[in-house]
Amino acid sequence: MKRYLFITLGDTEPKIVGPFETEEERSKAARRHKGLNGDDDGIFPLNIHEDGKVESYSYCGAFFEVEE
């Protein structure tokens, strides 16, 4: 599986960041983006499986409150 971040800059302009080797790397990148850019952008995990299946979901608000 390949792991990416799907970011909507200003909630309008799509951007894909990655791939990331691990969930932890992706989580750190998501939190770093949120810390640098605030609440203006949408940040979503995006997975592409070996069979081509694509899945995405929302981070819960508490995800961004965790300090690393």
Protein backbone atom coordinates (compact mmCIF):
# COMPACT_ATOMS: atom_id res chain seq x y z
CA MET A 1 0.00 0.00 0.00
CA LYS A 2 1.16 3.52 -0.76
CA ARG A 3 0.37 6.26 1.74
CA TYR A 4 -0.22 9.89 0.80
CA LEU A 5 -1.78 13.05 2.16
CA PHE A 6 -4.54 14.66 0.12
CA ILE A 7 -4.52 18.34 1.02
CA THR A 8 -7.01 20.91 -0.15
CA LEU A 9 -5.23 24.25 0.06
CA GLY A 10 -7.70 26.82 1.30
CA ASP A 11 -10.23 23.99 0.99
CA THR A 12 -10.26 24.57 -2.79
CA GLU A 13 -6.92 23.66 -4.44
CA PRO A 14 -6.06 19.92 -4.36
CA LYS A 15 -2.52 18.75 -3.63
CA ILE A 16 -1.15 15.23 -3.07
CA VAL A 17 1.93 14.83 -0.86
CA GLY A 18 3.94 11.63 -0.53
CA PRO A 19 4.27 8.74 -0.69
CA PHE A 20 5.20 8.05 2.92
CA GLU A 21 6.87 4.82 4.02
CA THR A 22 4.90 4.50 7.27
CA GLU A 23 1.73 5.72 8.98
CA GLU A 24 3.93 7.51 11.51
CA GLU A 25 5.72 9.52 8.80
CA ARG A 26 2.40 10.50 7.26
CA SER A 27 0.96 11.47 10.65
CA LYS A 28 3.97 13.67 11.41
CA ALA A 29 3.65 15.36 7.99
CA ALA A 30 -0.06 15.98 8.54
CA ARG A 31 0.53 17.51 11.97
CA ARG A 32 3.45 19.57 10.67
CA HIS A 33 1.29 20.93 7.81
CA LYS A 34 -1.50 21.81 10.24
CA GLY A 35 0.97 23.49 12.60
CA LEU A 36 2.45 25.61 9.80
CA ASN A 37 -0.77 26.43 7.95
CA GLY A 38 -3.48 26.44 10.61
CA ASP A 39 -7.07 25.50 9.86
CA ASP A 40 -7.30 26.86 6.30
CA ASP A 41 -6.47 23.57 4.56
CA GLY A 42 -8.25 20.23 4.53
CA ILE A 43 -5.88 17.35 5.31
CA PHE A 44 -6.89 13.75 4.54
CA PRO A 45 -5.01 10.43 4.53
CA LEU A 46 -5.07 8.77 1.11
CA ASN A 47 -4.18 5.10 0.61
CA ILE A 48 -3.63 3.35 -2.70
CA HIS A 49 -3.63 -0.42 -2.35
CA GLU A 50 -1.72 -2.86 -4.52
CA ASP A 51 -4.95 -3.83 -6.31
CA GLY A 52 -5.54 -0.18 -7.25
CA LYS A 53 -8.25 0.42 -4.65
CA VAL A 54 -8.18 3.99 -3.35
CA GLU A 55 -9.41 4.92 0.11
CA SER A 56 -9.48 8.12 2.10
CA TYR A 57 -10.93 9.17 5.42
CA SER A 58 -10.98 12.14 7.78
CA TYR A 59 -8.71 12.71 10.72
CA CYS A 60 -10.60 13.39 13.93
CA GLY A 61 -9.99 16.74 15.62
CA ALA A 62 -8.10 15.12 18.49
CA PHE A 63 -5.53 13.71 16.03
CA PHE A 64 -4.08 17.20 15.58
CA GLU A 65 -3.96 17.88 19.33
CA VAL A 66 -1.36 15.15 19.93
CA GLU A 67 2.15 16.52 20.38
CA GLU A 68 5.08 14.62 18.96
